[in-house]
Amino acid sequence: MTDPAPAVFDRRSPTRGDQRRANLLRALHELLQSRTFEQINIADITSAAGVSRSGFYFYFTDKAAAVAALAADMHSETIAATNLMFVRSASPRERIAGSIRATFASWEQHQQVFAAILAARQHNPEVREVWDAARTALVAPVAEMIDTDRAAGLAPDGPDSVTLATVLLELNERSLEQLGVGTGPGVAERIDTLIEVWSRSIYSNTTQEK
């Protein structure tokens, strides 16, 4: 899956030598280390980047759009983490564990951006649409994995694979959201529980180690 955010939110595609866009995103990333999305305004970003306000709007429709573009690396890492489920040299449980651990590692590295994109979703319907589309795009390959393993006898028959994949991916996202606001179990407990939930939901107790 390719990340859709830059194409949707940038007013123009950056050229190789275009540093202004990179400076704006770098400034936003640095500001997010010490402030929330709501505490940052466009003047803060342009001042830190050394770019004019009109320069900002040359690339982005608003600060929510800039946050969405900044999230491109996180989306790419999420895709890479999900792809670990499809490594056939490992057991089903090992594949699931590797994918979930990589997903949470990406969150720990980009948690300020993750928090900002969640806040931006509340203000910008386009951000919400792209974020949801990025998650939805992961459903098909996970569902295909479930169907393939069922056909191979590695997983028992069960709920519709697309519905199951959707629910499991939503569990991951919801768990990361709760971590972001500091409620509920910690990272290690959530990872262990999600590995168990995914493994039992897809493979049951008797087949997950094959």
N, C-alpha and C. Protein backbone atom coordinates (compact mmCIF):
# COMPACT_ATOMS: atom_id res chain seq x y z
N MET A 1 0.84 -1.19 0.00
CA MET A 1 0.00 0.00 0.00
C MET A 1 0.87 1.24 0.00
N THR A 2 0.55 2.19 -0.79
CA THR A 2 1.28 3.44 -0.79
C THR A 2 0.55 4.46 0.05
N ASP A 3 1.29 5.40 0.59
CA ASP A 3 0.67 6.40 1.47
C ASP A 3 -0.02 7.47 0.65
N PRO A 4 -1.32 7.74 0.93
CA PRO A 4 -2.05 8.70 0.13
C PRO A 4 -1.93 10.12 0.60
N ALA A 5 -1.39 10.36 1.81
CA ALA A 5 -1.49 11.68 2.41
C ALA A 5 -0.86 12.80 1.60
N PRO A 6 0.41 12.67 1.12
CA PRO A 6 1.00 13.79 0.43
C PRO A 6 0.23 14.22 -0.80
N ALA A 7 -0.27 13.27 -1.59
CA ALA A 7 -0.98 13.61 -2.82
C ALA A 7 -2.28 14.33 -2.53
N VAL A 8 -2.92 14.02 -1.41
CA VAL A 8 -4.20 14.62 -1.09
C VAL A 8 -4.04 15.99 -0.46
N PHE A 9 -3.04 16.16 0.41
CA PHE A 9 -2.98 17.35 1.22
C PHE A 9 -2.03 18.42 0.72
N ASP A 10 -1.02 18.07 -0.04
CA ASP A 10 -0.13 19.09 -0.57
C ASP A 10 -0.82 19.80 -1.73
N ARG A 11 -0.67 21.11 -1.80
CA ARG A 11 -1.24 21.85 -2.92
C ARG A 11 -0.45 21.60 -4.19
N ARG A 12 0.80 21.21 -4.06
CA ARG A 12 1.60 20.86 -5.23
C ARG A 12 2.60 19.79 -4.83
N SER A 13 3.08 19.03 -5.78
CA SER A 13 4.09 18.02 -5.49
C SER A 13 5.44 18.70 -5.35
N PRO A 14 6.21 18.36 -4.31
CA PRO A 14 7.51 19.00 -4.12
C PRO A 14 8.52 18.54 -5.16
N THR A 15 9.39 19.45 -5.56
CA THR A 15 10.49 19.08 -6.43
C THR A 15 11.65 18.62 -5.58
N ARG A 16 12.64 18.02 -6.23
CA ARG A 16 13.78 17.48 -5.49
C ARG A 16 14.50 18.58 -4.71
N GLY A 17 14.61 19.74 -5.30
CA GLY A 17 15.37 20.80 -4.64
C GLY A 17 14.53 21.70 -3.76
N ASP A 18 13.27 21.36 -3.55
CA ASP A 18 12.38 22.25 -2.80
C ASP A 18 12.57 22.03 -1.30
N GLN A 19 13.20 22.98 -0.63
CA GLN A 19 13.48 22.86 0.79
C GLN A 19 12.42 23.50 1.66
N ARG A 20 11.61 24.37 1.09
CA ARG A 20 10.63 25.07 1.93
C ARG A 20 9.62 24.10 2.54
N ARG A 21 9.12 23.18 1.75
CA ARG A 21 8.17 22.20 2.27
C ARG A 21 8.82 21.36 3.36
N ALA A 22 10.04 20.90 3.10
CA ALA A 22 10.75 20.09 4.09
C ALA A 22 10.98 20.89 5.37
N ASN A 23 11.29 22.17 5.24
CA ASN A 23 11.51 23.01 6.42
C ASN A 23 10.23 23.18 7.23
N LEU A 24 9.10 23.33 6.54
CA LEU A 24 7.82 23.46 7.23
C LEU A 24 7.49 22.20 8.02
N LEU A 25 7.68 21.05 7.40
CA LEU A 25 7.37 19.79 8.08
C LEU A 25 8.35 19.53 9.22
N ARG A 26 9.60 19.88 9.02
CA ARG A 26 10.59 19.71 10.09
C ARG A 26 10.24 20.60 11.28
N ALA A 27 9.85 21.83 10.99
CA ALA A 27 9.47 22.76 12.07
C ALA A 27 8.25 22.25 12.82
N LEU A 28 7.26 21.76 12.09
CA LEU A 28 6.06 21.22 12.73
C LEU A 28 6.41 20.03 13.62
N HIS A 29 7.25 19.15 13.12
CA HIS A 29 7.65 17.98 13.90
C HIS A 29 8.33 18.41 15.20
N GLU A 30 9.21 19.39 15.12
CA GLU A 30 9.91 19.86 16.32
C GLU A 30 8.94 20.52 17.30
N LEU A 31 7.99 21.28 16.79
CA LEU A 31 7.01 21.93 17.67
C LEU A 31 6.14 20.90 18.39
N LEU A 32 5.84 19.79 17.70
CA LEU A 32 5.00 18.76 18.30
C LEU A 32 5.68 18.02 19.45
N GLN A 33 6.98 18.17 19.57
CA GLN A 33 7.69 17.52 20.67
C GLN A 33 7.37 18.17 22.01
N SER A 34 6.94 19.43 21.97
CA SER A 34 6.69 20.14 23.22
C SER A 34 5.29 20.75 23.32
N ARG A 35 4.52 20.69 22.23
CA ARG A 35 3.17 21.26 22.24
C ARG A 35 2.19 20.29 21.61
N THR A 36 0.91 20.49 21.93
CA THR A 36 -0.13 19.70 21.30
C THR A 36 -0.52 20.34 19.97
N PHE A 37 -1.29 19.61 19.19
CA PHE A 37 -1.77 20.13 17.91
C PHE A 37 -2.54 21.44 18.11
N GLU A 38 -3.39 21.48 19.14
CA GLU A 38 -4.21 22.66 19.37
C GLU A 38 -3.39 23.88 19.77
N GLN A 39 -2.23 23.65 20.38
CA GLN A 39 -1.39 24.75 20.85
C GLN A 39 -0.52 25.36 19.76
N ILE A 40 -0.47 24.73 18.61
CA ILE A 40 0.38 25.21 17.51
C ILE A 40 -0.48 25.92 16.48
N ASN A 41 -0.02 27.08 16.02
CA ASN A 41 -0.72 27.75 14.93
C ASN A 41 0.21 27.89 13.73
N ILE A 42 -0.34 28.34 12.64
CA ILE A 42 0.43 28.42 11.41
C ILE A 42 1.59 29.40 11.54
N ALA A 43 1.38 30.48 12.30
CA ALA A 43 2.46 31.44 12.52
C ALA A 43 3.64 30.79 13.23
N ASP A 44 3.36 29.90 14.18
CA ASP A 44 4.43 29.18 14.86
C ASP A 44 5.25 28.36 13.87
N ILE A 45 4.54 27.68 12.98
CA ILE A 45 5.21 26.81 12.01
C ILE A 45 6.06 27.62 11.04
N THR A 46 5.47 28.67 10.49
CA THR A 46 6.20 29.46 9.49
C THR A 46 7.38 30.19 10.11
N SER A 47 7.21 30.66 11.35
CA SER A 47 8.32 31.35 12.02
C SER A 47 9.48 30.39 12.25
N ALA A 48 9.17 29.19 12.74
CA ALA A 48 10.23 28.21 13.01
C ALA A 48 10.90 27.73 11.74
N ALA A 49 10.13 27.70 10.64
CA ALA A 49 10.67 27.20 9.37
C ALA A 49 11.36 28.28 8.56
N GLY A 50 11.12 29.55 8.91
CA GLY A 50 11.67 30.64 8.11
C GLY A 50 11.00 30.75 6.75
N VAL A 51 9.70 30.45 6.73
CA VAL A 51 8.91 30.48 5.49
C VAL A 51 7.73 31.42 5.71
N SER A 52 7.33 32.15 4.69
CA SER A 52 6.21 33.08 4.82
C SER A 52 4.89 32.33 4.95
N ARG A 53 3.88 33.04 5.44
CA ARG A 53 2.55 32.44 5.56
C ARG A 53 2.01 32.01 4.20
N SER A 54 2.23 32.85 3.19
CA SER A 54 1.78 32.49 1.85
C SER A 54 2.54 31.26 1.35
N GLY A 55 3.80 31.13 1.78
CA GLY A 55 4.57 29.94 1.42
C GLY A 55 3.97 28.69 2.02
N PHE A 56 3.47 28.79 3.25
CA PHE A 56 2.82 27.65 3.87
C PHE A 56 1.61 27.21 3.04
N TYR A 57 0.77 28.20 2.68
CA TYR A 57 -0.45 27.87 1.94
C TYR A 57 -0.18 27.44 0.51
N PHE A 58 1.03 27.66 0.04
CA PHE A 58 1.42 27.16 -1.27
C PHE A 58 1.46 25.63 -1.26
N TYR A 59 1.73 25.06 -0.07
CA TYR A 59 1.86 23.61 0.05
C TYR A 59 0.67 22.94 0.74
N PHE A 60 0.10 23.61 1.74
CA PHE A 60 -0.90 22.96 2.57
C PHE A 60 -2.14 23.83 2.72
N THR A 61 -3.30 23.18 2.83
CA THR A 61 -4.55 23.92 2.99
C THR A 61 -4.68 24.50 4.40
N ASP A 62 -4.17 23.79 5.41
CA ASP A 62 -4.24 24.24 6.79
C ASP A 62 -3.25 23.41 7.60
N LYS A 63 -3.20 23.64 8.91
CA LYS A 63 -2.21 22.92 9.72
C LYS A 63 -2.56 21.44 9.84
N ALA A 64 -3.84 21.11 9.76
CA ALA A 64 -4.23 19.70 9.78
C ALA A 64 -3.66 18.97 8.57
N ALA A 65 -3.68 19.63 7.43
CA ALA A 65 -3.12 19.02 6.22
C ALA A 65 -1.62 18.82 6.36
N ALA A 66 -0.94 19.76 7.01
CA ALA A 66 0.50 19.61 7.22
C ALA A 66 0.79 18.43 8.14
N VAL A 67 -0.03 18.26 9.17
CA VAL A 67 0.14 17.11 10.06
C VAL A 67 -0.05 15.81 9.30
N ALA A 68 -1.03 15.78 8.41
CA ALA A 68 -1.28 14.57 7.63
C ALA A 68 -0.10 14.24 6.74
N ALA A 69 0.51 15.26 6.14
CA ALA A 69 1.69 15.02 5.31
C ALA A 69 2.85 14.53 6.17
N LEU A 70 2.96 15.08 7.38
CA LEU A 70 4.02 14.66 8.29
C LEU A 70 3.86 13.19 8.69
N ALA A 71 2.63 12.72 8.68
CA ALA A 71 2.35 11.34 9.09
C ALA A 71 2.71 10.31 8.03
N ALA A 72 3.20 10.74 6.88
CA ALA A 72 3.49 9.80 5.80
C ALA A 72 4.48 8.72 6.22
N ASP A 73 5.53 9.11 6.94
CA ASP A 73 6.51 8.12 7.39
C ASP A 73 5.88 7.10 8.32
N MET A 74 4.98 7.57 9.19
CA MET A 74 4.33 6.66 10.12
C MET A 74 3.43 5.68 9.37
N HIS A 75 2.73 6.15 8.35
CA HIS A 75 1.91 5.26 7.53
C HIS A 75 2.79 4.20 6.87
N SER A 76 3.92 4.61 6.35
CA SER A 76 4.82 3.67 5.68
C SER A 76 5.31 2.60 6.66
N GLU A 77 5.61 3.01 7.88
CA GLU A 77 6.07 2.05 8.88
C GLU A 77 4.95 1.10 9.30
N THR A 78 3.71 1.61 9.33
CA THR A 78 2.57 0.75 9.64
C THR A 78 2.39 -0.32 8.57
N ILE A 79 2.56 0.08 7.33
CA ILE A 79 2.48 -0.88 6.22
C ILE A 79 3.56 -1.94 6.37
N ALA A 80 4.78 -1.49 6.65
CA ALA A 80 5.89 -2.43 6.81
C ALA A 80 5.64 -3.39 7.97
N ALA A 81 5.06 -2.86 9.06
CA ALA A 81 4.76 -3.71 10.22
C ALA A 81 3.70 -4.75 9.86
N THR A 82 2.67 -4.34 9.14
CA THR A 82 1.62 -5.27 8.73
C THR A 82 2.18 -6.35 7.81
N ASN A 83 3.11 -5.97 6.95
CA ASN A 83 3.69 -6.94 6.02
C ASN A 83 4.44 -8.06 6.73
N LEU A 84 4.84 -7.84 7.97
CA LEU A 84 5.52 -8.90 8.72
C LEU A 84 4.59 -10.10 8.95
N MET A 85 3.29 -9.88 8.88
CA MET A 85 2.35 -10.99 9.03
C MET A 85 2.41 -11.97 7.87
N PHE A 86 2.97 -11.53 6.77
CA PHE A 86 2.93 -12.35 5.56
C PHE A 86 4.24 -13.08 5.29
N VAL A 87 5.15 -13.07 6.28
CA VAL A 87 6.44 -13.75 6.14
C VAL A 87 6.23 -15.23 6.45
N ARG A 88 6.23 -16.05 5.44
CA ARG A 88 5.83 -17.45 5.59
C ARG A 88 6.88 -18.32 6.27
N SER A 89 8.08 -17.79 6.49
CA SER A 89 9.11 -18.59 7.14
C SER A 89 8.89 -18.70 8.65
N ALA A 90 7.99 -17.89 9.19
CA ALA A 90 7.71 -17.90 10.63
C ALA A 90 6.36 -18.55 10.89
N SER A 91 6.14 -18.95 12.14
CA SER A 91 4.84 -19.51 12.52
C SER A 91 3.80 -18.39 12.55
N PRO A 92 2.51 -18.74 12.47
CA PRO A 92 1.47 -17.70 12.53
C PRO A 92 1.60 -16.79 13.75
N ARG A 93 1.82 -17.36 14.92
CA ARG A 93 1.93 -16.54 16.13
C ARG A 93 3.15 -15.63 16.06
N GLU A 94 4.26 -16.15 15.54
CA GLU A 94 5.47 -15.33 15.41
C GLU A 94 5.24 -14.18 14.44
N ARG A 95 4.52 -14.44 13.37
CA ARG A 95 4.23 -13.38 12.40
C ARG A 95 3.37 -12.29 13.03
N ILE A 96 2.34 -12.71 13.75
CA ILE A 96 1.45 -11.75 14.41
C ILE A 96 2.23 -10.94 15.45
N ALA A 97 3.03 -11.63 16.25
CA ALA A 97 3.80 -10.94 17.30
C ALA A 97 4.76 -9.92 16.69
N GLY A 98 5.45 -10.31 15.63
CA GLY A 98 6.38 -9.38 15.00
C GLY A 98 5.68 -8.16 14.45
N SER A 99 4.51 -8.36 13.85
CA SER A 99 3.77 -7.24 13.28
C SER A 99 3.27 -6.29 14.36
N ILE A 100 2.70 -6.83 15.42
CA ILE A 100 2.16 -5.97 16.48
C ILE A 100 3.28 -5.24 17.21
N ARG A 101 4.37 -5.92 17.48
CA ARG A 101 5.50 -5.25 18.15
C ARG A 101 6.06 -4.12 17.28
N ALA A 102 6.14 -4.34 15.98
CA ALA A 102 6.64 -3.30 15.08
C ALA A 102 5.68 -2.12 15.01
N THR A 103 4.38 -2.40 15.05
CA THR A 103 3.38 -1.33 15.04
C THR A 103 3.52 -0.44 16.27
N PHE A 104 3.69 -1.06 17.43
CA PHE A 104 3.83 -0.28 18.66
C PHE A 104 5.18 0.44 18.72
N ALA A 105 6.21 -0.15 18.14
CA ALA A 105 7.51 0.52 18.09
C ALA A 105 7.42 1.79 17.25
N SER A 106 6.67 1.72 16.15
CA SER A 106 6.47 2.90 15.32
C SER A 106 5.70 3.96 16.09
N TRP A 107 4.68 3.54 16.83
CA TRP A 107 3.91 4.50 17.63
C TRP A 107 4.81 5.19 18.66
N GLU A 108 5.68 4.43 19.33
CA GLU A 108 6.55 5.03 20.34
C GLU A 108 7.49 6.05 19.72
N GLN A 109 7.90 5.82 18.49
CA GLN A 109 8.80 6.75 17.81
C GLN A 109 8.07 8.00 17.34
N HIS A 110 6.78 7.87 17.01
CA HIS A 110 6.03 8.98 16.41
C HIS A 110 4.79 9.34 17.22
N GLN A 111 4.80 9.12 18.51
CA GLN A 111 3.56 9.28 19.27
C GLN A 111 3.03 10.71 19.26
N GLN A 112 3.92 11.71 19.18
CA GLN A 112 3.42 13.09 19.12
C GLN A 112 2.69 13.35 17.80
N VAL A 113 3.22 12.79 16.71
CA VAL A 113 2.55 12.93 15.42
C VAL A 113 1.22 12.17 15.43
N PHE A 114 1.22 10.99 16.03
CA PHE A 114 -0.01 10.21 16.12
C PHE A 114 -1.09 10.98 16.88
N ALA A 115 -0.70 11.59 18.00
CA ALA A 115 -1.65 12.38 18.78
C ALA A 115 -2.16 13.57 17.96
N ALA A 116 -1.27 14.18 17.19
CA ALA A 116 -1.67 15.34 16.38
C ALA A 116 -2.63 14.94 15.27
N ILE A 117 -2.39 13.80 14.64
CA ILE A 117 -3.27 13.38 13.56
C ILE A 117 -4.65 13.02 14.10
N LEU A 118 -4.71 12.46 15.30
CA LEU A 118 -6.00 12.17 15.91
C LEU A 118 -6.77 13.46 16.19
N ALA A 119 -6.05 14.48 16.66
CA ALA A 119 -6.68 15.77 16.90
C ALA A 119 -7.11 16.41 15.59
N ALA A 120 -6.26 16.30 14.56
CA ALA A 120 -6.58 16.91 13.26
C ALA A 120 -7.81 16.28 12.64
N ARG A 121 -8.04 15.01 12.91
CA ARG A 121 -9.22 14.33 12.37
C ARG A 121 -10.52 15.00 12.82
N GLN A 122 -10.48 15.58 14.02
CA GLN A 122 -11.68 16.20 14.55
C GLN A 122 -12.03 17.50 13.82
N HIS A 123 -11.04 18.11 13.17
CA HIS A 123 -11.24 19.42 12.56
C HIS A 123 -11.30 19.38 11.03
N ASN A 124 -10.74 18.34 10.45
CA ASN A 124 -10.59 18.31 9.00
C ASN A 124 -11.14 17.00 8.46
N PRO A 125 -12.29 17.02 7.77
CA PRO A 125 -12.87 15.78 7.26
C PRO A 125 -11.98 15.07 6.25
N GLU A 126 -11.16 15.82 5.52
CA GLU A 126 -10.25 15.19 4.56
C GLU A 126 -9.17 14.39 5.28
N VAL A 127 -8.68 14.93 6.40
CA VAL A 127 -7.70 14.19 7.20
C VAL A 127 -8.33 12.90 7.70
N ARG A 128 -9.54 13.00 8.20
CA ARG A 128 -10.24 11.82 8.71
C ARG A 128 -10.44 10.79 7.60
N GLU A 129 -10.80 11.26 6.42
CA GLU A 129 -11.03 10.35 5.30
C GLU A 129 -9.76 9.61 4.89
N VAL A 130 -8.65 10.35 4.83
CA VAL A 130 -7.39 9.72 4.42
C VAL A 130 -6.88 8.78 5.50
N TRP A 131 -7.00 9.19 6.77
CA TRP A 131 -6.56 8.31 7.86
C TRP A 131 -7.35 7.00 7.85
N ASP A 132 -8.67 7.11 7.69
CA ASP A 132 -9.50 5.91 7.65
C ASP A 132 -9.19 5.06 6.42
N ALA A 133 -8.90 5.73 5.30
CA ALA A 133 -8.56 4.99 4.08
C ALA A 133 -7.25 4.24 4.24
N ALA A 134 -6.30 4.84 4.95
CA ALA A 134 -5.01 4.18 5.17
C ALA A 134 -5.20 2.90 5.98
N ARG A 135 -6.07 2.97 7.00
CA ARG A 135 -6.34 1.77 7.79
C ARG A 135 -7.11 0.74 6.96
N THR A 136 -8.11 1.21 6.21
CA THR A 136 -8.93 0.30 5.42
C THR A 136 -8.10 -0.45 4.38
N ALA A 137 -7.08 0.22 3.85
CA ALA A 137 -6.23 -0.42 2.84
C ALA A 137 -5.47 -1.61 3.40
N LEU A 138 -5.33 -1.68 4.72
CA LEU A 138 -4.64 -2.82 5.34
C LEU A 138 -5.56 -4.03 5.47
N VAL A 139 -6.87 -3.81 5.35
CA VAL A 139 -7.83 -4.89 5.60
C VAL A 139 -7.69 -6.00 4.57
N ALA A 140 -7.63 -5.64 3.29
CA ALA A 140 -7.62 -6.66 2.23
C ALA A 140 -6.45 -7.64 2.35
N PRO A 141 -5.20 -7.17 2.53
CA PRO A 141 -4.11 -8.14 2.65
C PRO A 141 -4.21 -9.02 3.89
N VAL A 142 -4.70 -8.47 5.01
CA VAL A 142 -4.87 -9.30 6.21
C VAL A 142 -5.97 -10.33 5.98
N ALA A 143 -7.07 -9.91 5.36
CA ALA A 143 -8.15 -10.85 5.05
C ALA A 143 -7.67 -11.95 4.10
N GLU A 144 -6.85 -11.56 3.13
CA GLU A 144 -6.31 -12.56 2.20
C GLU A 144 -5.43 -13.57 2.93
N MET A 145 -4.63 -13.09 3.90
CA MET A 145 -3.80 -13.99 4.70
C MET A 145 -4.68 -14.99 5.46
N ILE A 146 -5.76 -14.49 6.04
CA ILE A 146 -6.68 -15.36 6.79
C ILE A 146 -7.27 -16.42 5.86
N ASP A 147 -7.73 -16.01 4.70
CA ASP A 147 -8.32 -16.95 3.74
C ASP A 147 -7.30 -17.98 3.28
N THR A 148 -6.07 -17.53 3.02
CA THR A 148 -5.01 -18.44 2.57
C THR A 148 -4.69 -19.48 3.63
N ASP A 149 -4.59 -19.04 4.88
CA ASP A 149 -4.26 -19.97 5.95
C ASP A 149 -5.42 -20.91 6.27
N ARG A 150 -6.64 -20.44 6.07
CA ARG A 150 -7.78 -21.34 6.23
C ARG A 150 -7.77 -22.41 5.15
N ALA A 151 -7.49 -22.01 3.92
CA ALA A 151 -7.45 -22.96 2.81
C ALA A 151 -6.33 -23.98 2.99
N ALA A 152 -5.23 -23.55 3.64
CA ALA A 152 -4.09 -24.44 3.85
C ALA A 152 -4.24 -25.30 5.10
N GLY A 153 -5.32 -25.11 5.84
CA GLY A 153 -5.54 -25.88 7.05
C GLY A 153 -4.80 -25.36 8.26
N LEU A 154 -4.21 -24.18 8.14
CA LEU A 154 -3.51 -23.58 9.28
C LEU A 154 -4.45 -22.85 10.22
N ALA A 155 -5.59 -22.44 9.70
CA ALA A 155 -6.58 -21.72 10.50
C ALA A 155 -7.95 -22.35 10.28
N PRO A 156 -8.76 -22.44 11.32
CA PRO A 156 -10.10 -23.01 11.17
C PRO A 156 -11.05 -22.02 10.51
N ASP A 157 -12.15 -22.53 9.99
CA ASP A 157 -13.18 -21.63 9.48
C ASP A 157 -13.69 -20.76 10.61
N GLY A 158 -14.16 -19.57 10.25
CA GLY A 158 -14.65 -18.65 11.27
C GLY A 158 -15.41 -17.51 10.64
N PRO A 159 -15.44 -16.37 11.30
CA PRO A 159 -16.16 -15.21 10.77
C PRO A 159 -15.62 -14.78 9.41
N ASP A 160 -16.41 -14.02 8.69
CA ASP A 160 -15.98 -13.46 7.42
C ASP A 160 -14.60 -12.81 7.59
N SER A 161 -13.68 -13.14 6.70
CA SER A 161 -12.29 -12.71 6.87
C SER A 161 -12.13 -11.20 6.82
N VAL A 162 -12.90 -10.53 5.97
CA VAL A 162 -12.80 -9.07 5.88
C VAL A 162 -13.28 -8.42 7.17
N THR A 163 -14.40 -8.91 7.69
CA THR A 163 -14.91 -8.37 8.95
C THR A 163 -13.94 -8.63 10.09
N LEU A 164 -13.39 -9.83 10.14
CA LEU A 164 -12.44 -10.17 11.20
C LEU A 164 -11.19 -9.29 11.11
N ALA A 165 -10.66 -9.12 9.91
CA ALA A 165 -9.47 -8.27 9.73
C ALA A 165 -9.77 -6.83 10.15
N THR A 166 -10.95 -6.34 9.78
CA THR A 166 -11.33 -4.97 10.13
C THR A 166 -11.38 -4.78 11.64
N VAL A 167 -12.02 -5.70 12.33
CA VAL A 167 -12.16 -5.59 13.79
C VAL A 167 -10.80 -5.67 14.47
N LEU A 168 -9.95 -6.57 14.03
CA LEU A 168 -8.64 -6.72 14.66
C LEU A 168 -7.77 -5.48 14.44
N LEU A 169 -7.80 -4.92 13.25
CA LEU A 169 -7.03 -3.71 12.98
C LEU A 169 -7.57 -2.53 13.78
N GLU A 170 -8.89 -2.47 13.94
CA GLU A 170 -9.47 -1.41 14.76
C GLU A 170 -9.07 -1.56 16.23
N LEU A 171 -8.91 -2.79 16.69
CA LEU A 171 -8.43 -3.01 18.06
C LEU A 171 -7.02 -2.43 18.23
N ASN A 172 -6.17 -2.66 17.25
CA ASN A 172 -4.82 -2.09 17.31
C ASN A 172 -4.88 -0.57 17.41
N GLU A 173 -5.67 0.04 16.53
CA GLU A 173 -5.73 1.50 16.49
C GLU A 173 -6.31 2.06 17.79
N ARG A 174 -7.36 1.44 18.29
CA ARG A 174 -7.98 1.91 19.53
C ARG A 174 -7.01 1.80 20.69
N SER A 175 -6.23 0.73 20.72
CA SER A 175 -5.26 0.55 21.79
C SER A 175 -4.20 1.65 21.75
N LEU A 176 -3.76 2.01 20.55
CA LEU A 176 -2.78 3.09 20.42
C LEU A 176 -3.38 4.43 20.84
N GLU A 177 -4.65 4.65 20.50
CA GLU A 177 -5.31 5.89 20.92
C GLU A 177 -5.35 6.00 22.44
N GLN A 178 -5.68 4.89 23.11
CA GLN A 178 -5.75 4.92 24.56
C GLN A 178 -4.38 5.12 25.20
N LEU A 179 -3.36 4.55 24.60
CA LEU A 179 -2.00 4.82 25.09
C LEU A 179 -1.68 6.30 24.98
N GLY A 180 -2.12 6.91 23.89
CA GLY A 180 -1.83 8.31 23.66
C GLY A 180 -2.41 9.23 24.71
N VAL A 181 -3.56 8.85 25.27
CA VAL A 181 -4.17 9.68 26.30
C VAL A 181 -3.84 9.19 27.70
N GLY A 182 -3.02 8.14 27.77
CA GLY A 182 -2.51 7.68 29.07
C GLY A 182 -3.51 6.93 29.91
N THR A 183 -4.44 6.23 29.28
CA THR A 183 -5.42 5.47 30.06
C THR A 183 -5.25 3.98 29.83
N GLY A 184 -5.59 3.20 30.86
CA GLY A 184 -5.59 1.75 30.72
C GLY A 184 -4.21 1.12 30.85
N PRO A 185 -4.08 -0.12 30.40
CA PRO A 185 -2.82 -0.87 30.53
C PRO A 185 -1.67 -0.20 29.78
N GLY A 186 -0.45 -0.61 30.14
CA GLY A 186 0.73 -0.07 29.49
C GLY A 186 1.04 -0.76 28.17
N VAL A 187 2.16 -0.37 27.57
CA VAL A 187 2.53 -0.87 26.24
C VAL A 187 2.71 -2.38 26.25
N ALA A 188 3.50 -2.90 27.17
CA ALA A 188 3.81 -4.34 27.18
C ALA A 188 2.55 -5.17 27.35
N GLU A 189 1.68 -4.74 28.27
CA GLU A 189 0.44 -5.49 28.52
C GLU A 189 -0.46 -5.47 27.29
N ARG A 190 -0.54 -4.34 26.63
CA ARG A 190 -1.37 -4.24 25.43
C ARG A 190 -0.82 -5.12 24.30
N ILE A 191 0.49 -5.10 24.13
CA ILE A 191 1.10 -5.91 23.07
C ILE A 191 0.81 -7.39 23.31
N ASP A 192 1.07 -7.86 24.53
CA ASP A 192 0.86 -9.28 24.84
C ASP A 192 -0.60 -9.68 24.63
N THR A 193 -1.51 -8.81 25.05
CA THR A 193 -2.93 -9.12 24.92
C THR A 193 -3.37 -9.13 23.46
N LEU A 194 -2.90 -8.17 22.68
CA LEU A 194 -3.27 -8.13 21.27
C LEU A 194 -2.72 -9.33 20.51
N ILE A 195 -1.51 -9.75 20.84
CA ILE A 195 -0.95 -10.95 20.20
C ILE A 195 -1.86 -12.15 20.49
N GLU A 196 -2.31 -12.26 21.73
CA GLU A 196 -3.18 -13.37 22.11
C GLU A 196 -4.53 -13.28 21.41
N VAL A 197 -5.10 -12.08 21.36
CA VAL A 197 -6.41 -11.90 20.73
C VAL A 197 -6.34 -12.21 19.24
N TRP A 198 -5.33 -11.67 18.55
CA TRP A 198 -5.17 -11.95 17.12
C TRP A 198 -4.97 -13.45 16.89
N SER A 199 -4.08 -14.07 17.67
CA SER A 199 -3.77 -15.48 17.46
C SER A 199 -4.99 -16.37 17.68
N ARG A 200 -5.70 -16.13 18.77
CA ARG A 200 -6.88 -16.94 19.06
C ARG A 200 -8.00 -16.68 18.06
N SER A 201 -8.16 -15.43 17.66
CA SER A 201 -9.26 -15.09 16.75
C SER A 201 -9.08 -15.72 15.37
N ILE A 202 -7.83 -15.79 14.92
CA ILE A 202 -7.58 -16.32 13.57
C ILE A 202 -7.27 -17.80 13.58
N TYR A 203 -6.42 -18.23 14.54
CA TYR A 203 -5.86 -19.58 14.46
C TYR A 203 -6.36 -20.53 15.53
N SER A 204 -6.96 -20.03 16.59
CA SER A 204 -7.38 -20.82 17.74
C SER A 204 -6.17 -21.37 18.48
N ASN A 205 -6.38 -22.03 19.59
CA ASN A 205 -5.27 -22.51 20.42
C ASN A 205 -4.47 -23.62 19.76
N THR A 206 -5.10 -24.41 18.92
CA THR A 206 -4.46 -25.63 18.45
C THR A 206 -3.62 -25.46 17.20
N THR A 207 -3.79 -24.34 16.47
CA THR A 207 -3.11 -24.22 15.19
C THR A 207 -2.11 -23.08 15.11
N GLN A 208 -2.08 -22.20 16.10
CA GLN A 208 -1.31 -20.97 15.95
C GLN A 208 0.19 -21.19 15.95
N GLU A 209 0.69 -22.32 16.43
CA GLU A 209 2.14 -22.54 16.46
C GLU A 209 2.65 -23.28 15.24
N LYS A 210 1.77 -23.69 14.32
CA LYS A 210 2.21 -24.47 13.16
C LYS A 210 3.00 -23.61 12.20
